[in-house]
Amino acid sequence: MNYDFILFDADDTLFDFQKTAEKCFKETCLKLGVPYQDGYYEIYREINQGYWDLFSLGKVEKSALKIMRFVDFGKAIGFKINAEEFMPIYEKSLSETAILYPDTIQTLEGVKNLGKKIYLITNGLANVQRGRLKLSDIGKYFDGIFISDEMGTSKPSKKYYDMVVSQIDGFDAKKALIVGDSLVSDIPLGLENGIDTCYLNHTNVTPNLPITYEIKKVSDVLQILK
């Protein structure tokens, strides 16, 4: 298949978000006197992902997501967290920490050299994503950047899709490929709009969705595009 438009997710696709988030979460806990020990980040990670999945499905507001994930983490470890204080410090730390996967630059340069148009589609928070794009210097590879926080809607909603494609000249769904790690936001965005999907499977789970391709690392997409 000859694809002209490649739409990449950001977190856990191009950015090693879990490594970034664990570092920033631990630093914020220690800074604010919140108890931290081995295994605590995994507790937070599961809670956080649950809220982001609900946000992707339109079942929770962003304002609630930003606060309740910390409140619920505190309940899980038996410590009352001042979420209003925790949130901005943690988000600032995230915005100032950009950890890419080792093959991210190679992948973006490779796709660009193949003459493809590259776009970023992300449900992340604007201040966090913009900060990390600047620090990592990968923003230069994209022909368009679509951050849900700036658009007022999230993947995989039809509104998000319509807003994205309306800003891509000559867009053709049959010549597009979505590359991402989420079976809740990335893959459904493709399936619901007739776009081929490339699932970055970090966890070796067996997806129960009709994906087009499955890869283990992001640079594997180059073999699909050649």
C-alpha atoms as a PDB file:
ATOM      1  CA  MET A   1       0.000   0.000   0.000  1.00  0.00           C
ATOM      2  CA  ASN A   2       1.304   3.453  -0.925  1.00  0.00           C
ATOM      3  CA  TYR A   3       0.667   5.799   2.002  1.00  0.00           C
ATOM      4  CA  ASP A   4       1.116   9.566   1.647  1.00  0.00           C
ATOM      5  CA  PHE A   5      -0.090  10.743   5.069  1.00  0.00           C
ATOM      6  CA  ILE A   6       1.389   9.263   8.245  1.00  0.00           C
ATOM      7  CA  LEU A   7      -0.334  10.205  11.513  1.00  0.00           C
ATOM      8  CA  PHE A   8       1.758   9.444  14.586  1.00  0.00           C
ATOM      9  CA  ASP A   9       0.586   9.337  18.175  1.00  0.00           C
ATOM     10  CA  ALA A  10       3.009  10.992  20.640  1.00  0.00           C
ATOM     11  CA  ASP A  11       3.136   9.278  24.039  1.00  0.00           C
ATOM     12  CA  ASP A  12       4.336   5.683  24.110  1.00  0.00           C
ATOM     13  CA  THR A  13       4.796   5.915  20.340  1.00  0.00           C
ATOM     14  CA  LEU A  14       7.480   8.556  19.768  1.00  0.00           C
ATOM     15  CA  PHE A  15       8.076   9.643  23.371  1.00  0.00           C
ATOM     16  CA  ASP A  16       8.971   7.086  26.033  1.00  0.00           C
ATOM     17  CA  PHE A  17       6.249   8.516  28.212  1.00  0.00           C
ATOM     18  CA  GLN A  18       6.412   5.923  30.974  1.00  0.00           C
ATOM     19  CA  LYS A  19      10.097   6.556  31.629  1.00  0.00           C
ATOM     20  CA  THR A  20       9.413  10.305  31.555  1.00  0.00           C
ATOM     21  CA  ALA A  21       6.363  10.115  33.790  1.00  0.00           C
ATOM     22  CA  GLU A  22       7.948   7.834  36.382  1.00  0.00           C
ATOM     23  CA  LYS A  23      10.905  10.186  36.758  1.00  0.00           C
ATOM     24  CA  CYS A  24       8.700  13.288  37.081  1.00  0.00           C
ATOM     25  CA  PHE A  25       6.150  11.617  39.343  1.00  0.00           C
ATOM     26  CA  LYS A  26       8.784  10.413  41.793  1.00  0.00           C
ATOM     27  CA  GLU A  27      10.468  13.838  41.858  1.00  0.00           C
ATOM     28  CA  THR A  28       7.139  15.581  42.529  1.00  0.00           C
ATOM     29  CA  CYS A  29       6.232  13.177  45.328  1.00  0.00           C
ATOM     30  CA  LEU A  30       9.582  13.705  47.031  1.00  0.00           C
ATOM     31  CA  LYS A  31       9.378  17.477  46.592  1.00  0.00           C
ATOM     32  CA  LEU A  32       5.940  17.666  48.228  1.00  0.00           C
ATOM     33  CA  GLY A  33       6.499  15.082  50.945  1.00  0.00           C
ATOM     34  CA  VAL A  34       4.192  12.487  49.425  1.00  0.00           C
ATOM     35  CA  PRO A  35       5.292   8.948  50.394  1.00  0.00           C
ATOM     36  CA  TYR A  36       7.053   7.150  47.562  1.00  0.00           C
ATOM     37  CA  GLN A  37       8.326   3.610  47.301  1.00  0.00           C
ATOM     38  CA  ASP A  38       8.826   0.935  44.665  1.00  0.00           C
ATOM     39  CA  GLY A  39       5.544   0.071  42.988  1.00  0.00           C
ATOM     40  CA  TYR A  40       3.843   3.400  43.651  1.00  0.00           C
ATOM     41  CA  TYR A  41       4.313   4.688  40.130  1.00  0.00           C
ATOM     42  CA  GLU A  42       2.662   1.538  38.750  1.00  0.00           C
ATOM     43  CA  ILE A  43      -0.358   2.242  40.960  1.00  0.00           C
ATOM     44  CA  TYR A  44      -0.542   5.798  39.650  1.00  0.00           C
ATOM     45  CA  ARG A  45       0.077   4.668  36.072  1.00  0.00           C
ATOM     46  CA  GLU A  46      -2.946   2.372  36.106  1.00  0.00           C
ATOM     47  CA  ILE A  47      -5.170   5.066  37.622  1.00  0.00           C
ATOM     48  CA  ASN A  48      -3.907   7.701  35.198  1.00  0.00           C
ATOM     49  CA  GLN A  49      -4.397   5.482  32.154  1.00  0.00           C
ATOM     50  CA  GLY A  50      -7.928   4.697  33.268  1.00  0.00           C
ATOM     51  CA  TYR A  51      -8.777   8.395  33.347  1.00  0.00           C
ATOM     52  CA  TRP A  52      -7.161   9.055  29.964  1.00  0.00           C
ATOM     53  CA  ASP A  53      -9.148   6.185  28.448  1.00  0.00           C
ATOM     54  CA  LEU A  54     -12.352   7.671  29.858  1.00  0.00           C
ATOM     55  CA  PHE A  55     -11.337  11.067  28.482  1.00  0.00           C
ATOM     56  CA  SER A  56     -10.722   9.545  25.042  1.00  0.00           C
ATOM     57  CA  LEU A  57     -14.218   8.074  25.149  1.00  0.00           C
ATOM     58  CA  GLY A  58     -15.746  11.383  26.213  1.00  0.00           C
ATOM     59  CA  LYS A  59     -16.757  10.058  29.637  1.00  0.00           C
ATOM     60  CA  VAL A  60     -14.760  12.439  31.822  1.00  0.00           C
ATOM     61  CA  GLU A  61     -13.812  16.097  31.513  1.00  0.00           C
ATOM     62  CA  LYS A  62     -10.186  17.137  31.280  1.00  0.00           C
ATOM     63  CA  SER A  63     -10.516  19.257  34.425  1.00  0.00           C
ATOM     64  CA  ALA A  64     -11.605  16.197  36.412  1.00  0.00           C
ATOM     65  CA  LEU A  65      -8.906  14.001  34.893  1.00  0.00           C
ATOM     66  CA  LYS A  66      -6.155  16.412  35.898  1.00  0.00           C
ATOM     67  CA  ILE A  67      -7.184  16.333  39.564  1.00  0.00           C
ATOM     68  CA  MET A  68      -8.860  12.997  40.276  1.00  0.00           C
ATOM     69  CA  ARG A  69      -5.938  10.813  39.179  1.00  0.00           C
ATOM     70  CA  PHE A  70      -3.883  12.238  42.049  1.00  0.00           C
ATOM     71  CA  VAL A  71      -6.764  12.081  44.510  1.00  0.00           C
ATOM     72  CA  ASP A  72      -7.346   8.421  43.663  1.00  0.00           C
ATOM     73  CA  PHE A  73      -3.645   7.635  43.927  1.00  0.00           C
ATOM     74  CA  GLY A  74      -3.600   9.168  47.404  1.00  0.00           C
ATOM     75  CA  LYS A  75      -6.553   7.011  48.406  1.00  0.00           C
ATOM     76  CA  ALA A  76      -4.801   3.934  47.050  1.00  0.00           C
ATOM     77  CA  ILE A  77      -1.714   4.484  49.225  1.00  0.00           C
ATOM     78  CA  GLY A  78      -3.613   5.882  52.210  1.00  0.00           C
ATOM     79  CA  PHE A  79      -2.231   9.412  52.022  1.00  0.00           C
ATOM     80  CA  LYS A  80      -4.235  12.563  51.384  1.00  0.00           C
ATOM     81  CA  ILE A  81      -2.650  14.439  48.491  1.00  0.00           C
ATOM     82  CA  ASN A  82      -3.250  18.116  47.796  1.00  0.00           C
ATOM     83  CA  ALA A  83      -3.998  17.498  44.115  1.00  0.00           C
ATOM     84  CA  GLU A  84      -4.332  21.201  43.303  1.00  0.00           C
ATOM     85  CA  GLU A  85      -0.738  21.666  44.461  1.00  0.00           C
ATOM     86  CA  PHE A  86       0.602  18.424  42.997  1.00  0.00           C
ATOM     87  CA  MET A  87      -0.832  18.860  39.503  1.00  0.00           C
ATOM     88  CA  PRO A  88       0.986  22.010  38.270  1.00  0.00           C
ATOM     89  CA  ILE A  89       4.347  20.915  39.672  1.00  0.00           C
ATOM     90  CA  TYR A  90       4.059  17.507  38.034  1.00  0.00           C
ATOM     91  CA  GLU A  91       2.889  18.948  34.699  1.00  0.00           C
ATOM     92  CA  LYS A  92       5.711  21.493  34.675  1.00  0.00           C
ATOM     93  CA  SER A  93       8.201  18.704  35.294  1.00  0.00           C
ATOM     94  CA  LEU A  94       6.711  16.696  32.409  1.00  0.00           C
ATOM     95  CA  SER A  95       6.900  19.682  30.075  1.00  0.00           C
ATOM     96  CA  GLU A  96      10.596  20.018  30.879  1.00  0.00           C
ATOM     97  CA  THR A  97      11.463  16.333  30.356  1.00  0.00           C
ATOM     98  CA  ALA A  98      11.614  14.883  26.848  1.00  0.00           C
ATOM     99  CA  ILE A  99      12.675  11.246  26.579  1.00  0.00           C
ATOM    100  CA  LEU A 100      12.321   9.791  23.098  1.00  0.00           C
ATOM    101  CA  TYR A 101      12.547   6.146  22.129  1.00  0.00           C
ATOM    102  CA  PRO A 102      16.023   5.364  20.742  1.00  0.00           C
ATOM    103  CA  ASP A 103      14.668   4.932  17.194  1.00  0.00           C
ATOM    104  CA  THR A 104      12.273   7.914  17.082  1.00  0.00           C
ATOM    105  CA  ILE A 105      14.560  10.326  15.206  1.00  0.00           C
ATOM    106  CA  GLN A 106      15.632   7.592  12.794  1.00  0.00           C
ATOM    107  CA  THR A 107      11.975   6.817  12.117  1.00  0.00           C
ATOM    108  CA  LEU A 108      10.854  10.395  11.516  1.00  0.00           C
ATOM    109  CA  GLU A 109      13.839  11.120   9.269  1.00  0.00           C
ATOM    110  CA  GLY A 110      13.243   7.890   7.388  1.00  0.00           C
ATOM    111  CA  VAL A 111       9.570   8.643   6.798  1.00  0.00           C
ATOM    112  CA  LYS A 112      10.426  12.184   5.701  1.00  0.00           C
ATOM    113  CA  ASN A 113      13.059  10.882   3.283  1.00  0.00           C
ATOM    114  CA  LEU A 114      10.416   8.675   1.709  1.00  0.00           C
ATOM    115  CA  GLY A 115       8.514  11.832   0.781  1.00  0.00           C
ATOM    116  CA  LYS A 116       5.613  11.284   3.184  1.00  0.00           C
ATOM    117  CA  LYS A 117       3.640  13.970   4.991  1.00  0.00           C
ATOM    118  CA  ILE A 118       3.899  13.499   8.770  1.00  0.00           C
ATOM    119  CA  TYR A 119       1.366  14.609  11.383  1.00  0.00           C
ATOM    120  CA  LEU A 120       1.188  14.363  15.163  1.00  0.00           C
ATOM    121  CA  ILE A 121      -2.136  13.383  16.733  1.00  0.00           C
ATOM    122  CA  THR A 122      -2.185  13.431  20.529  1.00  0.00           C
ATOM    123  CA  ASN A 123      -4.586  13.605  23.453  1.00  0.00           C
ATOM    124  CA  GLY A 124      -1.897  15.110  25.664  1.00  0.00           C
ATOM    125  CA  LEU A 125      -2.022  18.384  27.558  1.00  0.00           C
ATOM    126  CA  ALA A 126      -0.906  21.356  25.460  1.00  0.00           C
ATOM    127  CA  ASN A 127       1.708  22.773  27.832  1.00  0.00           C
ATOM    128  CA  VAL A 128       3.267  19.349  28.342  1.00  0.00           C
ATOM    129  CA  GLN A 129       3.312  18.378  24.671  1.00  0.00           C
ATOM    130  CA  ARG A 130       4.531  21.743  23.396  1.00  0.00           C
ATOM    131  CA  GLY A 131       7.312  21.790  25.973  1.00  0.00           C
ATOM    132  CA  ARG A 132       8.532  18.326  25.080  1.00  0.00           C
ATOM    133  CA  LEU A 133       8.288  18.929  21.336  1.00  0.00           C
ATOM    134  CA  LYS A 134      10.506  21.974  21.732  1.00  0.00           C
ATOM    135  CA  LEU A 135      13.026  20.228  23.969  1.00  0.00           C
ATOM    136  CA  SER A 136      13.275  17.147  21.772  1.00  0.00           C
ATOM    137  CA  ASP A 137      13.378  19.221  18.565  1.00  0.00           C
ATOM    138  CA  ILE A 138      11.123  16.774  16.729  1.00  0.00           C
ATOM    139  CA  GLY A 139       8.478  19.379  15.935  1.00  0.00           C
ATOM    140  CA  LYS A 140      10.382  20.223  12.753  1.00  0.00           C
ATOM    141  CA  TYR A 141       9.471  16.870  11.221  1.00  0.00           C
ATOM    142  CA  PHE A 142       5.712  17.422  11.312  1.00  0.00           C
ATOM    143  CA  ASP A 143       3.563  19.007   8.637  1.00  0.00           C
ATOM    144  CA  GLY A 144       0.853  19.479  11.258  1.00  0.00           C
ATOM    145  CA  ILE A 145       0.475  19.043  15.016  1.00  0.00           C
ATOM    146  CA  PHE A 146      -2.957  18.300  16.488  1.00  0.00           C
ATOM    147  CA  ILE A 147      -3.199  18.402  20.284  1.00  0.00           C
ATOM    148  CA  SER A 148      -6.622  17.630  21.716  1.00  0.00           C
ATOM    149  CA  ASP A 149      -6.151  20.150  24.513  1.00  0.00           C
ATOM    150  CA  GLU A 150      -5.854  22.917  21.922  1.00  0.00           C
ATOM    151  CA  MET A 151      -8.701  21.627  19.796  1.00  0.00           C
ATOM    152  CA  GLY A 152     -11.338  21.189  22.475  1.00  0.00           C
ATOM    153  CA  THR A 153     -11.975  17.574  21.537  1.00  0.00           C
ATOM    154  CA  SER A 154     -10.142  14.252  21.783  1.00  0.00           C
ATOM    155  CA  LYS A 155      -9.225  11.130  19.824  1.00  0.00           C
ATOM    156  CA  PRO A 156     -11.075   9.126  18.630  1.00  0.00           C
ATOM    157  CA  SER A 157     -14.139  11.407  18.354  1.00  0.00           C
ATOM    158  CA  LYS A 158     -15.548  12.268  14.949  1.00  0.00           C
ATOM    159  CA  LYS A 159     -15.144  15.939  15.830  1.00  0.00           C
ATOM    160  CA  TYR A 160     -11.424  15.462  16.388  1.00  0.00           C
ATOM    161  CA  TYR A 161     -11.075  13.568  13.122  1.00  0.00           C
ATOM    162  CA  ASP A 162     -12.985  16.171  11.133  1.00  0.00           C
ATOM    163  CA  MET A 163     -10.906  19.003  12.587  1.00  0.00           C
ATOM    164  CA  VAL A 164      -7.659  17.200  11.758  1.00  0.00           C
ATOM    165  CA  VAL A 165      -8.458  16.269   8.163  1.00  0.00           C
ATOM    166  CA  SER A 166      -9.897  19.712   7.410  1.00  0.00           C
ATOM    167  CA  GLN A 167      -6.401  21.105   8.020  1.00  0.00           C
ATOM    168  CA  ILE A 168      -4.519  18.620   5.834  1.00  0.00           C
ATOM    169  CA  ASP A 169      -4.385  19.635   2.180  1.00  0.00           C
ATOM    170  CA  GLY A 170      -5.461  16.892  -0.190  1.00  0.00           C
ATOM    171  CA  PHE A 171      -6.094  14.390   2.583  1.00  0.00           C
ATOM    172  CA  ASP A 172      -7.209  10.960   1.394  1.00  0.00           C
ATOM    173  CA  ALA A 173      -8.151   8.411   4.055  1.00  0.00           C
ATOM    174  CA  LYS A 174      -7.222   5.572   1.707  1.00  0.00           C
ATOM    175  CA  LYS A 175      -3.672   6.894   1.490  1.00  0.00           C
ATOM    176  CA  ALA A 176      -3.276   7.504   5.230  1.00  0.00           C
ATOM    177  CA  LEU A 177      -1.829   5.395   8.030  1.00  0.00           C
ATOM    178  CA  ILE A 178      -2.269   5.910  11.782  1.00  0.00           C
ATOM    179  CA  VAL A 179       0.613   4.732  13.985  1.00  0.00           C
ATOM    180  CA  GLY A 180      -0.043   4.458  17.709  1.00  0.00           C
ATOM    181  CA  ASP A 181      -0.060   2.320  20.838  1.00  0.00           C
ATOM    182  CA  SER A 182      -3.613   2.849  22.082  1.00  0.00           C
ATOM    183  CA  LEU A 183      -6.444   0.427  21.390  1.00  0.00           C
ATOM    184  CA  VAL A 184      -8.808   3.020  22.885  1.00  0.00           C
ATOM    185  CA  SER A 185      -7.884   6.149  20.945  1.00  0.00           C
ATOM    186  CA  ASP A 186      -5.423   5.563  18.072  1.00  0.00           C
ATOM    187  CA  ILE A 187      -6.711   2.362  16.509  1.00  0.00           C
ATOM    188  CA  PRO A 188     -10.435   3.259  16.808  1.00  0.00           C
ATOM    189  CA  LEU A 189      -9.721   6.624  15.145  1.00  0.00           C
ATOM    190  CA  GLY A 190      -8.572   4.709  12.104  1.00  0.00           C
ATOM    191  CA  LEU A 191     -11.191   1.997  12.176  1.00  0.00           C
ATOM    192  CA  GLU A 192     -14.060   4.448  12.478  1.00  0.00           C
ATOM    193  CA  ASN A 193     -12.865   6.562   9.569  1.00  0.00           C
ATOM    194  CA  GLY A 194     -11.607   4.057   7.017  1.00  0.00           C
ATOM    195  CA  ILE A 195      -7.904   4.596   7.707  1.00  0.00           C
ATOM    196  CA  ASP A 196      -5.363   1.775   7.922  1.00  0.00           C
ATOM    197  CA  THR A 197      -3.819   1.321  11.363  1.00  0.00           C
ATOM    198  CA  CYS A 198      -0.408   0.338  12.662  1.00  0.00           C
ATOM    199  CA  TYR A 199      -0.494  -0.850  16.263  1.00  0.00           C
ATOM    200  CA  LEU A 200       2.688  -0.395  18.304  1.00  0.00           C
ATOM    201  CA  ASN A 201       2.376  -3.322  20.686  1.00  0.00           C
ATOM    202  CA  HIS A 202       4.582  -2.744  23.744  1.00  0.00           C
ATOM    203  CA  THR A 203       2.834  -5.294  25.948  1.00  0.00           C
ATOM    204  CA  ASN A 204       2.485  -8.333  23.666  1.00  0.00           C
ATOM    205  CA  VAL A 205      -1.270  -8.373  24.211  1.00  0.00           C
ATOM    206  CA  THR A 206      -3.389  -9.852  21.461  1.00  0.00           C
ATOM    207  CA  PRO A 207      -5.538  -7.034  20.072  1.00  0.00           C
ATOM    208  CA  ASN A 208      -9.179  -7.884  19.481  1.00  0.00           C
ATOM    209  CA  LEU A 209      -9.537  -5.195  16.830  1.00  0.00           C
ATOM    210  CA  PRO A 210      -9.007  -5.611  13.059  1.00  0.00           C
ATOM    211  CA  ILE A 211      -5.722  -3.708  12.866  1.00  0.00           C
ATOM    212  CA  THR A 212      -3.857  -3.522   9.564  1.00  0.00           C
ATOM    213  CA  TYR A 213      -0.319  -3.890  10.900  1.00  0.00           C
ATOM    214  CA  GLU A 214       1.327  -4.711  14.226  1.00  0.00           C
ATOM    215  CA  ILE A 215       4.869  -3.624  15.133  1.00  0.00           C
ATOM    216  CA  LYS A 216       7.129  -3.969  18.170  1.00  0.00           C
ATOM    217  CA  LYS A 217       9.132  -0.746  17.824  1.00  0.00           C
ATOM    218  CA  VAL A 218       8.281   2.446  16.013  1.00  0.00           C
ATOM    219  CA  SER A 219      11.070   2.125  13.420  1.00  0.00           C
ATOM    220  CA  ASP A 220       9.367  -1.052  12.142  1.00  0.00           C
ATOM    221  CA  VAL A 221       6.938   1.234  10.326  1.00  0.00           C
ATOM    222  CA  LEU A 222       9.677   2.019   7.807  1.00  0.00           C
ATOM    223  CA  GLN A 223       9.451  -1.519   6.452  1.00  0.00           C
ATOM    224  CA  ILE A 224       5.742  -0.993   5.862  1.00  0.00           C
ATOM    225  CA  LEU A 225       6.272   2.272   4.003  1.00  0.00           C
ATOM    226  CA  LYS A 226       9.118   1.194   1.717  1.00  0.00           C
END
